[in-house]
Amino acid sequence: MLETVLSYEDWRDFFAKKLSDTGYFNLSNTYSKVDTDVEIYSALKGNPNTTIRVGYFSSMTLIYINIFNPETPGKNRQQETEHFYKYDFDAEKQYGPPGLEFNEININGISNYLDEGFNGLETVYYRKNKPVKSRVTTSCYPDSPSFTITYDFNQDTFLVRVLKKFSFIKEEYDEIRNVDLRNIFGGLKDS
C-alpha cells in the first residue's frame, strides 16, 4: 500500500504509527547526540532482542535507521556506517546532502524497507564466547533479494591479520553460528 504525506505529520509521527501502532515495537528511549535526535524502539513481537534506532536531524529530516540485534554484530556494524542522503529513493537524482526529507517518495521507500525486513545470512565466528569475525551476505534492496553484497568484519586490527597470515597461524574458533537475518527482523508487512 502506498503511503502519503497526508497520513503523517513528520518522520517522528511516521515511526510512531508504523512501529508502535502496529504493536511490533514500543518507544523505549530518546536522547540527543551532537546534532541528532535519537529514538529507540524495542521489539514486542518477533525477535525480542531486536531494537530499532532512528536518528533525525529534525522531525522533517531522517538521517538513519539502525535495526540492531546482539546475534548479528556484522550487520550492526554495517548499519552504523550508513546513513541516508537526500535523494536515496529518487530514481532520477543521486545522493545529495545527508538527510532524507519528509516527502512521499521517501515515506514509501522507508515504509517498504520496514515492511520487507532483512534478507540474507550472517556467519559469526566466536572465540571464548565473543564474536571476533563476521561475514554478512545481504540485499541492500528488500524488493531485490537476488542482488546481494557481502561484508566482512573482523575484530583483529589490520596489522594482526597480516602477521597471522605471514606467520601461517591458523584461525581457530570455538563456535561458528549462521544467522538468518529474517529471524532478526522479518519486516512489518504481516502486521
N, C-alpha and C. Protein backbone atom coordinates (compact mmCIF):
# COMPACT_ATOMS: atom_id res chain seq x y z
N MET A 1 0.84 -1.17 0.00
CA MET A 1 0.00 0.00 0.00
C MET A 1 0.89 1.24 0.00
N LEU A 2 0.59 2.19 -0.87
CA LEU A 2 1.36 3.42 -0.93
C LEU A 2 0.96 4.34 0.21
N GLU A 3 1.97 4.88 0.85
CA GLU A 3 1.77 5.81 1.95
C GLU A 3 1.76 7.22 1.37
N THR A 4 1.10 8.15 2.05
CA THR A 4 1.10 9.54 1.59
C THR A 4 1.58 10.46 2.70
N VAL A 5 2.04 11.63 2.30
CA VAL A 5 2.49 12.64 3.26
C VAL A 5 1.32 13.04 4.16
N LEU A 6 0.12 13.01 3.64
CA LEU A 6 -1.05 13.41 4.42
C LEU A 6 -1.36 12.46 5.57
N SER A 7 -0.81 11.24 5.53
CA SER A 7 -1.04 10.26 6.59
C SER A 7 -0.26 10.55 7.86
N TYR A 8 0.78 11.40 7.77
CA TYR A 8 1.69 11.63 8.90
C TYR A 8 2.05 13.12 9.00
N GLU A 9 2.36 13.55 10.21
CA GLU A 9 2.78 14.94 10.43
C GLU A 9 4.24 15.15 10.03
N ASP A 10 5.09 14.17 10.37
CA ASP A 10 6.53 14.26 10.12
C ASP A 10 7.13 12.87 10.31
N TRP A 11 8.47 12.76 10.25
CA TRP A 11 9.10 11.46 10.41
C TRP A 11 8.81 10.83 11.76
N ARG A 12 8.82 11.63 12.82
CA ARG A 12 8.55 11.07 14.16
C ARG A 12 7.16 10.43 14.22
N ASP A 13 6.18 11.11 13.64
CA ASP A 13 4.82 10.58 13.61
C ASP A 13 4.76 9.31 12.76
N PHE A 14 5.47 9.30 11.64
CA PHE A 14 5.54 8.13 10.78
C PHE A 14 6.03 6.91 11.56
N PHE A 15 7.17 7.05 12.27
CA PHE A 15 7.73 5.91 13.01
C PHE A 15 6.86 5.51 14.19
N ALA A 16 6.26 6.48 14.86
CA ALA A 16 5.36 6.16 15.97
C ALA A 16 4.21 5.30 15.47
N LYS A 17 3.63 5.71 14.35
CA LYS A 17 2.49 4.95 13.81
C LYS A 17 2.93 3.63 13.19
N LYS A 18 4.03 3.65 12.46
CA LYS A 18 4.48 2.46 11.74
C LYS A 18 5.01 1.38 12.69
N LEU A 19 5.71 1.78 13.74
CA LEU A 19 6.31 0.81 14.65
C LEU A 19 5.46 0.53 15.88
N SER A 20 5.02 1.58 16.57
CA SER A 20 4.28 1.39 17.81
C SER A 20 2.82 0.99 17.58
N ASP A 21 2.14 1.65 16.66
CA ASP A 21 0.73 1.37 16.45
C ASP A 21 0.48 -0.02 15.88
N THR A 22 1.49 -0.63 15.26
CA THR A 22 1.35 -2.00 14.76
C THR A 22 1.44 -3.01 15.89
N GLY A 23 1.98 -2.57 17.03
CA GLY A 23 2.15 -3.48 18.16
C GLY A 23 3.43 -4.29 18.09
N TYR A 24 4.27 -4.05 17.09
CA TYR A 24 5.52 -4.78 16.96
C TYR A 24 6.64 -4.18 17.81
N PHE A 25 6.62 -2.87 18.02
CA PHE A 25 7.67 -2.17 18.77
C PHE A 25 7.04 -1.13 19.68
N ASN A 26 7.79 -0.74 20.72
CA ASN A 26 7.38 0.40 21.51
C ASN A 26 8.57 1.34 21.70
N LEU A 27 8.27 2.61 21.82
CA LEU A 27 9.32 3.61 22.03
C LEU A 27 9.85 3.43 23.45
N SER A 28 11.13 3.08 23.59
CA SER A 28 11.68 2.78 24.90
C SER A 28 12.66 3.83 25.41
N ASN A 29 13.19 4.68 24.49
CA ASN A 29 14.16 5.69 24.94
C ASN A 29 14.31 6.76 23.86
N THR A 30 14.66 7.96 24.30
CA THR A 30 15.01 9.05 23.38
C THR A 30 16.20 9.80 23.98
N TYR A 31 17.06 10.32 23.12
CA TYR A 31 18.18 11.13 23.58
C TYR A 31 18.71 11.95 22.41
N SER A 32 19.56 12.91 22.71
CA SER A 32 20.22 13.72 21.68
C SER A 32 21.71 13.43 21.71
N LYS A 33 22.30 13.35 20.52
CA LYS A 33 23.73 13.12 20.39
C LYS A 33 24.25 14.07 19.32
N VAL A 34 25.05 15.04 19.72
CA VAL A 34 25.57 16.09 18.86
C VAL A 34 24.37 16.79 18.20
N ASP A 35 24.23 16.69 16.87
CA ASP A 35 23.12 17.36 16.19
C ASP A 35 22.02 16.40 15.77
N THR A 36 21.96 15.22 16.39
CA THR A 36 20.98 14.20 16.02
C THR A 36 20.11 13.83 17.22
N ASP A 37 18.80 13.82 17.00
CA ASP A 37 17.86 13.30 17.99
C ASP A 37 17.64 11.83 17.67
N VAL A 38 17.68 10.98 18.70
CA VAL A 38 17.59 9.53 18.50
C VAL A 38 16.40 8.98 19.28
N GLU A 39 15.65 8.10 18.62
CA GLU A 39 14.57 7.35 19.27
C GLU A 39 14.92 5.88 19.17
N ILE A 40 14.71 5.16 20.27
CA ILE A 40 14.98 3.71 20.29
C ILE A 40 13.66 2.99 20.51
N TYR A 41 13.37 2.08 19.61
CA TYR A 41 12.17 1.25 19.70
C TYR A 41 12.59 -0.18 20.03
N SER A 42 11.92 -0.79 21.01
CA SER A 42 12.21 -2.17 21.42
C SER A 42 11.13 -3.10 20.90
N ALA A 43 11.54 -4.31 20.51
CA ALA A 43 10.61 -5.28 19.93
C ALA A 43 9.63 -5.80 20.97
N LEU A 44 8.37 -5.88 20.56
CA LEU A 44 7.31 -6.51 21.36
C LEU A 44 6.92 -7.85 20.74
N LYS A 45 7.14 -7.98 19.42
CA LYS A 45 6.87 -9.21 18.68
C LYS A 45 8.12 -9.55 17.88
N GLY A 46 8.19 -10.77 17.40
CA GLY A 46 9.38 -11.18 16.64
C GLY A 46 10.53 -11.44 17.59
N ASN A 47 11.75 -11.14 17.16
CA ASN A 47 12.94 -11.38 17.97
C ASN A 47 12.99 -10.34 19.10
N PRO A 48 12.92 -10.78 20.36
CA PRO A 48 12.84 -9.83 21.49
C PRO A 48 14.11 -9.00 21.70
N ASN A 49 15.23 -9.41 21.11
CA ASN A 49 16.48 -8.67 21.28
C ASN A 49 16.70 -7.61 20.20
N THR A 50 15.77 -7.48 19.28
CA THR A 50 15.90 -6.51 18.20
C THR A 50 15.44 -5.14 18.65
N THR A 51 16.26 -4.14 18.37
CA THR A 51 15.89 -2.75 18.62
C THR A 51 16.07 -1.96 17.33
N ILE A 52 15.29 -0.90 17.22
CA ILE A 52 15.41 0.00 16.06
C ILE A 52 15.78 1.37 16.58
N ARG A 53 16.89 1.91 16.07
CA ARG A 53 17.32 3.26 16.40
C ARG A 53 17.07 4.15 15.20
N VAL A 54 16.36 5.23 15.44
CA VAL A 54 16.03 6.17 14.38
C VAL A 54 16.68 7.50 14.72
N GLY A 55 17.47 8.05 13.79
CA GLY A 55 18.15 9.31 14.00
C GLY A 55 17.60 10.40 13.10
N TYR A 56 17.33 11.57 13.70
CA TYR A 56 16.78 12.70 12.96
C TYR A 56 17.69 13.92 13.09
N PHE A 57 17.87 14.65 11.98
CA PHE A 57 18.46 15.99 12.07
C PHE A 57 17.38 16.94 12.57
N SER A 58 16.16 16.70 12.11
CA SER A 58 14.97 17.42 12.57
C SER A 58 13.80 16.48 12.35
N SER A 59 12.63 16.86 12.79
CA SER A 59 11.48 15.97 12.60
C SER A 59 11.12 15.80 11.12
N MET A 60 11.67 16.66 10.26
CA MET A 60 11.41 16.58 8.83
C MET A 60 12.60 15.99 8.05
N THR A 61 13.71 15.67 8.73
CA THR A 61 14.90 15.14 8.06
C THR A 61 15.42 13.92 8.81
N LEU A 62 15.37 12.78 8.15
CA LEU A 62 15.80 11.50 8.71
C LEU A 62 17.24 11.22 8.30
N ILE A 63 18.09 10.86 9.26
CA ILE A 63 19.49 10.58 8.92
C ILE A 63 19.80 9.08 8.90
N TYR A 64 19.18 8.29 9.77
CA TYR A 64 19.44 6.84 9.73
C TYR A 64 18.35 6.05 10.43
N ILE A 65 18.32 4.76 10.07
CA ILE A 65 17.54 3.73 10.77
C ILE A 65 18.51 2.58 10.97
N ASN A 66 18.74 2.19 12.21
CA ASN A 66 19.61 1.05 12.51
C ASN A 66 18.77 0.01 13.23
N ILE A 67 18.73 -1.18 12.68
CA ILE A 67 17.99 -2.29 13.28
C ILE A 67 19.04 -3.24 13.85
N PHE A 68 19.19 -3.19 15.17
CA PHE A 68 20.27 -3.90 15.85
C PHE A 68 19.78 -5.14 16.57
N ASN A 69 20.71 -6.12 16.67
CA ASN A 69 20.49 -7.33 17.44
C ASN A 69 21.85 -7.87 17.84
N PRO A 70 22.05 -8.31 19.09
CA PRO A 70 23.35 -8.80 19.52
C PRO A 70 23.81 -10.07 18.79
N GLU A 71 22.90 -10.80 18.15
CA GLU A 71 23.27 -12.01 17.41
C GLU A 71 23.96 -11.69 16.08
N THR A 72 23.89 -10.41 15.63
CA THR A 72 24.42 -10.05 14.31
C THR A 72 25.38 -8.86 14.40
N PRO A 73 26.56 -9.07 14.98
CA PRO A 73 27.49 -7.95 15.14
C PRO A 73 27.94 -7.35 13.81
N GLY A 74 28.05 -8.15 12.77
CA GLY A 74 28.46 -7.63 11.47
C GLY A 74 27.39 -6.76 10.83
N LYS A 75 26.14 -7.21 10.89
CA LYS A 75 25.02 -6.41 10.35
C LYS A 75 24.89 -5.12 11.13
N ASN A 76 25.08 -5.18 12.44
CA ASN A 76 25.03 -3.97 13.27
C ASN A 76 26.09 -2.98 12.81
N ARG A 77 27.30 -3.48 12.61
CA ARG A 77 28.42 -2.62 12.22
C ARG A 77 28.21 -2.03 10.83
N GLN A 78 27.67 -2.84 9.92
CA GLN A 78 27.37 -2.36 8.58
C GLN A 78 26.41 -1.17 8.64
N GLN A 79 25.38 -1.29 9.45
CA GLN A 79 24.38 -0.22 9.55
C GLN A 79 24.94 1.04 10.20
N GLU A 80 25.85 0.87 11.15
CA GLU A 80 26.44 2.04 11.82
C GLU A 80 27.22 2.92 10.86
N THR A 81 27.68 2.35 9.76
CA THR A 81 28.48 3.12 8.80
C THR A 81 27.63 3.77 7.71
N GLU A 82 26.34 3.50 7.70
CA GLU A 82 25.47 4.01 6.64
C GLU A 82 24.52 5.07 7.16
N HIS A 83 24.20 6.02 6.28
CA HIS A 83 23.16 7.00 6.59
C HIS A 83 22.47 7.39 5.29
N PHE A 84 21.34 8.08 5.43
CA PHE A 84 20.56 8.45 4.26
C PHE A 84 21.05 9.76 3.65
N TYR A 85 20.89 9.83 2.34
CA TYR A 85 21.13 11.05 1.59
C TYR A 85 19.79 11.56 1.05
N LYS A 86 19.76 12.81 0.69
CA LYS A 86 18.53 13.48 0.26
C LYS A 86 17.80 12.73 -0.84
N TYR A 87 18.53 12.16 -1.80
CA TYR A 87 17.89 11.55 -2.96
C TYR A 87 17.99 10.02 -3.00
N ASP A 88 18.11 9.37 -1.86
CA ASP A 88 18.27 7.91 -1.84
C ASP A 88 17.15 7.17 -2.56
N PHE A 89 15.93 7.65 -2.52
CA PHE A 89 14.80 6.95 -3.14
C PHE A 89 14.31 7.63 -4.41
N ASP A 90 15.07 8.59 -4.90
CA ASP A 90 14.71 9.31 -6.12
C ASP A 90 15.36 8.60 -7.31
N ALA A 91 14.56 8.14 -8.26
CA ALA A 91 15.08 7.36 -9.40
C ALA A 91 15.92 8.21 -10.35
N GLU A 92 15.74 9.52 -10.34
CA GLU A 92 16.43 10.37 -11.31
C GLU A 92 17.64 11.09 -10.75
N LYS A 93 17.65 11.37 -9.46
CA LYS A 93 18.76 12.10 -8.85
C LYS A 93 19.59 11.14 -8.01
N GLN A 94 20.81 11.54 -7.69
CA GLN A 94 21.68 10.69 -6.88
C GLN A 94 22.20 11.45 -5.67
N TYR A 95 22.28 10.76 -4.58
CA TYR A 95 22.86 11.22 -3.32
C TYR A 95 22.28 12.53 -2.84
N GLY A 96 22.98 13.64 -3.02
CA GLY A 96 22.59 14.90 -2.42
C GLY A 96 23.19 15.01 -1.04
N PRO A 97 22.83 16.03 -0.30
CA PRO A 97 23.38 16.19 1.05
C PRO A 97 22.81 15.14 2.01
N PRO A 98 23.45 14.94 3.17
CA PRO A 98 22.94 13.97 4.15
C PRO A 98 21.54 14.35 4.63
N GLY A 99 20.73 13.34 4.86
CA GLY A 99 19.40 13.52 5.41
C GLY A 99 18.32 13.29 4.38
N LEU A 100 17.31 12.52 4.77
CA LEU A 100 16.20 12.18 3.91
C LEU A 100 15.01 13.06 4.26
N GLU A 101 14.56 13.85 3.28
CA GLU A 101 13.46 14.76 3.52
C GLU A 101 12.15 14.00 3.68
N PHE A 102 11.22 14.61 4.40
CA PHE A 102 9.91 14.03 4.62
C PHE A 102 9.04 14.34 3.40
N ASN A 103 8.99 13.38 2.47
CA ASN A 103 8.11 13.53 1.30
C ASN A 103 7.61 12.16 0.89
N GLU A 104 6.69 12.12 -0.05
CA GLU A 104 6.02 10.89 -0.41
C GLU A 104 6.95 9.80 -0.94
N ILE A 105 7.90 10.16 -1.80
CA ILE A 105 8.84 9.18 -2.34
C ILE A 105 9.62 8.52 -1.20
N ASN A 106 10.11 9.32 -0.27
CA ASN A 106 10.93 8.81 0.83
C ASN A 106 10.09 8.03 1.84
N ILE A 107 8.88 8.49 2.10
CA ILE A 107 7.99 7.75 3.01
C ILE A 107 7.74 6.35 2.46
N ASN A 108 7.47 6.25 1.17
CA ASN A 108 7.24 4.93 0.56
C ASN A 108 8.49 4.07 0.57
N GLY A 109 9.67 4.67 0.35
CA GLY A 109 10.91 3.92 0.41
C GLY A 109 11.19 3.34 1.80
N ILE A 110 11.02 4.16 2.82
CA ILE A 110 11.25 3.70 4.21
C ILE A 110 10.18 2.70 4.62
N SER A 111 8.93 2.96 4.22
CA SER A 111 7.85 2.03 4.54
C SER A 111 8.12 0.66 3.94
N ASN A 112 8.57 0.61 2.69
CA ASN A 112 8.91 -0.64 2.03
C ASN A 112 10.06 -1.35 2.76
N TYR A 113 11.08 -0.59 3.14
CA TYR A 113 12.22 -1.15 3.89
C TYR A 113 11.74 -1.81 5.18
N LEU A 114 10.87 -1.14 5.92
CA LEU A 114 10.36 -1.69 7.18
C LEU A 114 9.40 -2.86 6.95
N ASP A 115 8.59 -2.77 5.92
CA ASP A 115 7.64 -3.85 5.64
C ASP A 115 8.34 -5.14 5.21
N GLU A 116 9.39 -5.02 4.40
CA GLU A 116 10.07 -6.19 3.85
C GLU A 116 11.06 -6.83 4.81
N GLY A 117 11.71 -6.03 5.66
CA GLY A 117 12.68 -6.58 6.61
C GLY A 117 13.99 -6.97 5.94
N PHE A 118 14.79 -7.74 6.68
CA PHE A 118 16.11 -8.14 6.21
C PHE A 118 16.04 -9.41 5.36
N ASN A 119 17.00 -9.52 4.46
CA ASN A 119 17.25 -10.74 3.69
C ASN A 119 18.72 -11.08 3.86
N GLY A 120 19.04 -12.36 3.85
CA GLY A 120 20.44 -12.74 3.86
C GLY A 120 20.84 -13.58 5.05
N LEU A 121 22.16 -13.72 5.18
CA LEU A 121 22.73 -14.60 6.19
C LEU A 121 23.97 -13.95 6.78
N GLU A 122 24.15 -14.13 8.07
CA GLU A 122 25.39 -13.69 8.72
C GLU A 122 26.03 -14.90 9.37
N THR A 123 27.31 -15.11 9.09
CA THR A 123 28.08 -16.15 9.74
C THR A 123 28.99 -15.47 10.75
N VAL A 124 28.81 -15.83 12.02
CA VAL A 124 29.56 -15.20 13.10
C VAL A 124 30.51 -16.22 13.70
N TYR A 125 31.78 -15.84 13.82
CA TYR A 125 32.83 -16.70 14.36
C TYR A 125 33.13 -16.25 15.78
N TYR A 126 33.11 -17.20 16.72
CA TYR A 126 33.31 -16.90 18.14
C TYR A 126 34.60 -17.51 18.66
N ARG A 127 35.25 -16.78 19.55
CA ARG A 127 36.39 -17.26 20.29
C ARG A 127 36.18 -16.84 21.74
N LYS A 128 36.19 -17.79 22.65
CA LYS A 128 35.95 -17.54 24.07
C LYS A 128 34.63 -16.80 24.28
N ASN A 129 33.59 -17.27 23.60
CA ASN A 129 32.23 -16.73 23.68
C ASN A 129 32.08 -15.29 23.21
N LYS A 130 33.05 -14.77 22.48
CA LYS A 130 32.97 -13.41 21.96
C LYS A 130 33.09 -13.45 20.44
N PRO A 131 32.24 -12.67 19.75
CA PRO A 131 32.36 -12.64 18.29
C PRO A 131 33.65 -11.93 17.88
N VAL A 132 34.43 -12.57 17.01
CA VAL A 132 35.70 -11.99 16.57
C VAL A 132 35.72 -11.72 15.07
N LYS A 133 34.78 -12.33 14.36
CA LYS A 133 34.76 -12.17 12.92
C LYS A 133 33.34 -12.45 12.43
N SER A 134 32.98 -11.79 11.34
CA SER A 134 31.63 -11.98 10.82
C SER A 134 31.63 -11.77 9.32
N ARG A 135 30.77 -12.51 8.65
CA ARG A 135 30.57 -12.34 7.21
C ARG A 135 29.06 -12.21 6.97
N VAL A 136 28.66 -11.08 6.39
CA VAL A 136 27.26 -10.79 6.12
C VAL A 136 27.04 -10.80 4.61
N THR A 137 26.09 -11.60 4.17
CA THR A 137 25.67 -11.58 2.77
C THR A 137 24.21 -11.18 2.78
N THR A 138 23.93 -10.00 2.22
CA THR A 138 22.60 -9.44 2.32
C THR A 138 22.24 -8.65 1.08
N SER A 139 20.98 -8.33 0.98
CA SER A 139 20.49 -7.49 -0.11
C SER A 139 20.32 -6.07 0.42
N CYS A 140 20.82 -5.10 -0.31
CA CYS A 140 20.63 -3.69 0.08
C CYS A 140 19.21 -3.24 -0.20
N TYR A 141 18.55 -3.92 -1.12
CA TYR A 141 17.21 -3.52 -1.54
C TYR A 141 16.25 -4.65 -1.24
N PRO A 142 15.31 -4.44 -0.30
CA PRO A 142 14.40 -5.52 0.10
C PRO A 142 13.60 -6.11 -1.06
N ASP A 143 13.27 -5.29 -2.06
CA ASP A 143 12.47 -5.80 -3.17
C ASP A 143 13.33 -6.47 -4.25
N SER A 144 14.65 -6.53 -4.05
CA SER A 144 15.56 -7.21 -4.98
C SER A 144 16.51 -8.13 -4.21
N PRO A 145 15.99 -9.20 -3.58
CA PRO A 145 16.84 -10.05 -2.74
C PRO A 145 17.92 -10.79 -3.51
N SER A 146 17.81 -10.88 -4.84
CA SER A 146 18.85 -11.60 -5.58
C SER A 146 20.10 -10.74 -5.77
N PHE A 147 20.01 -9.42 -5.59
CA PHE A 147 21.17 -8.53 -5.69
C PHE A 147 21.80 -8.44 -4.31
N THR A 148 22.86 -9.21 -4.08
CA THR A 148 23.45 -9.27 -2.75
C THR A 148 24.84 -8.65 -2.72
N ILE A 149 25.22 -8.25 -1.52
CA ILE A 149 26.54 -7.70 -1.24
C ILE A 149 27.07 -8.46 -0.03
N THR A 150 28.37 -8.72 -0.01
CA THR A 150 28.98 -9.40 1.12
C THR A 150 29.89 -8.43 1.87
N TYR A 151 29.73 -8.37 3.18
CA TYR A 151 30.54 -7.55 4.06
C TYR A 151 31.32 -8.46 5.00
N ASP A 152 32.59 -8.19 5.19
CA ASP A 152 33.41 -8.93 6.14
C ASP A 152 33.80 -7.99 7.27
N PHE A 153 33.64 -8.46 8.49
CA PHE A 153 34.04 -7.68 9.67
C PHE A 153 34.97 -8.53 10.50
N ASN A 154 36.00 -7.90 11.05
CA ASN A 154 36.99 -8.62 11.82
C ASN A 154 37.41 -7.74 13.00
N GLN A 155 37.42 -8.30 14.18
CA GLN A 155 37.82 -7.56 15.38
C GLN A 155 39.32 -7.32 15.43
N ASP A 156 40.10 -8.19 14.79
CA ASP A 156 41.55 -8.03 14.79
C ASP A 156 41.93 -6.80 13.95
N THR A 157 42.97 -6.12 14.36
CA THR A 157 43.46 -4.99 13.59
C THR A 157 44.09 -5.50 12.30
N PHE A 158 44.27 -4.62 11.35
CA PHE A 158 44.88 -4.98 10.07
C PHE A 158 46.26 -5.59 10.28
N LEU A 159 47.05 -4.98 11.17
CA LEU A 159 48.40 -5.46 11.43
C LEU A 159 48.38 -6.89 11.99
N VAL A 160 47.48 -7.19 12.91
CA VAL A 160 47.37 -8.53 13.49
C VAL A 160 46.99 -9.54 12.41
N ARG A 161 46.07 -9.17 11.53
CA ARG A 161 45.66 -10.08 10.45
C ARG A 161 46.83 -10.37 9.50
N VAL A 162 47.60 -9.35 9.18
CA VAL A 162 48.76 -9.53 8.29
C VAL A 162 49.80 -10.43 8.96
N LEU A 163 50.06 -10.18 10.24
CA LEU A 163 51.04 -11.00 10.96
C LEU A 163 50.59 -12.46 11.03
N LYS A 164 49.31 -12.69 11.26
CA LYS A 164 48.80 -14.06 11.30
C LYS A 164 48.95 -14.74 9.95
N LYS A 165 48.68 -13.99 8.91
CA LYS A 165 48.77 -14.56 7.57
C LYS A 165 50.21 -14.96 7.22
N PHE A 166 51.15 -14.08 7.52
CA PHE A 166 52.53 -14.37 7.17
C PHE A 166 53.23 -15.31 8.14
N SER A 167 52.69 -15.48 9.32
CA SER A 167 53.28 -16.43 10.26
C SER A 167 52.57 -17.79 10.17
N PHE A 168 51.62 -17.87 9.25
CA PHE A 168 50.89 -19.10 8.98
C PHE A 168 50.16 -19.63 10.22
N ILE A 169 49.69 -18.71 11.06
CA ILE A 169 48.88 -19.11 12.22
C ILE A 169 47.46 -19.40 11.72
N LYS A 170 46.98 -20.57 12.02
CA LYS A 170 45.65 -20.97 11.58
C LYS A 170 44.60 -20.35 12.51
N GLU A 171 43.59 -19.74 11.89
CA GLU A 171 42.49 -19.18 12.67
C GLU A 171 41.69 -20.31 13.31
N GLU A 172 41.49 -20.22 14.60
CA GLU A 172 40.69 -21.23 15.29
C GLU A 172 39.55 -20.53 16.01
N TYR A 173 38.40 -21.15 15.94
CA TYR A 173 37.20 -20.59 16.55
C TYR A 173 36.54 -21.65 17.40
N ASP A 174 35.95 -21.22 18.52
CA ASP A 174 35.24 -22.13 19.40
C ASP A 174 33.89 -22.52 18.82
N GLU A 175 33.30 -21.57 18.08
CA GLU A 175 31.96 -21.81 17.55
C GLU A 175 31.74 -20.94 16.33
N ILE A 176 30.96 -21.46 15.39
CA ILE A 176 30.56 -20.70 14.21
C ILE A 176 29.04 -20.80 14.13
N ARG A 177 28.37 -19.64 14.11
CA ARG A 177 26.91 -19.61 14.03
C ARG A 177 26.47 -18.95 12.74
N ASN A 178 25.47 -19.55 12.10
CA ASN A 178 24.83 -18.96 10.93
C ASN A 178 23.49 -18.38 11.37
N VAL A 179 23.28 -17.11 11.08
CA VAL A 179 22.06 -16.42 11.50
C VAL A 179 21.30 -15.96 10.26
N ASP A 180 20.07 -16.44 10.11
CA ASP A 180 19.19 -15.97 9.05
C ASP A 180 18.70 -14.58 9.45
N LEU A 181 19.01 -13.57 8.65
CA LEU A 181 18.66 -12.20 9.01
C LEU A 181 17.15 -11.97 9.09
N ARG A 182 16.36 -12.80 8.44
CA ARG A 182 14.89 -12.68 8.55
C ARG A 182 14.45 -12.98 9.98
N ASN A 183 15.20 -13.82 10.71
CA ASN A 183 14.88 -14.11 12.11
C ASN A 183 15.20 -12.94 13.03
N ILE A 184 16.04 -12.03 12.57
CA ILE A 184 16.37 -10.84 13.35
C ILE A 184 15.33 -9.77 13.13
N PHE A 185 14.99 -9.53 11.85
CA PHE A 185 13.94 -8.57 11.51
C PHE A 185 13.29 -9.01 10.21
N GLY A 186 12.14 -9.64 10.33
CA GLY A 186 11.42 -10.17 9.17
C GLY A 186 10.49 -9.17 8.51
N GLY A 187 10.40 -7.97 9.05
CA GLY A 187 9.55 -6.95 8.45
C GLY A 187 8.20 -6.82 9.13
N LEU A 188 7.48 -5.78 8.76
CA LEU A 188 6.19 -5.45 9.36
C LEU A 188 4.99 -5.77 8.46
N LYS A 189 5.23 -6.28 7.28
CA LYS A 189 4.13 -6.43 6.33
C LYS A 189 3.05 -7.39 6.78
N ASP A 190 3.37 -8.25 7.73
CA ASP A 190 2.37 -9.19 8.23
C ASP A 190 1.55 -8.62 9.38
N SER A 191 1.88 -7.38 9.74
CA SER A 191 1.16 -6.80 10.90
C SER A 191 -0.23 -6.35 10.54
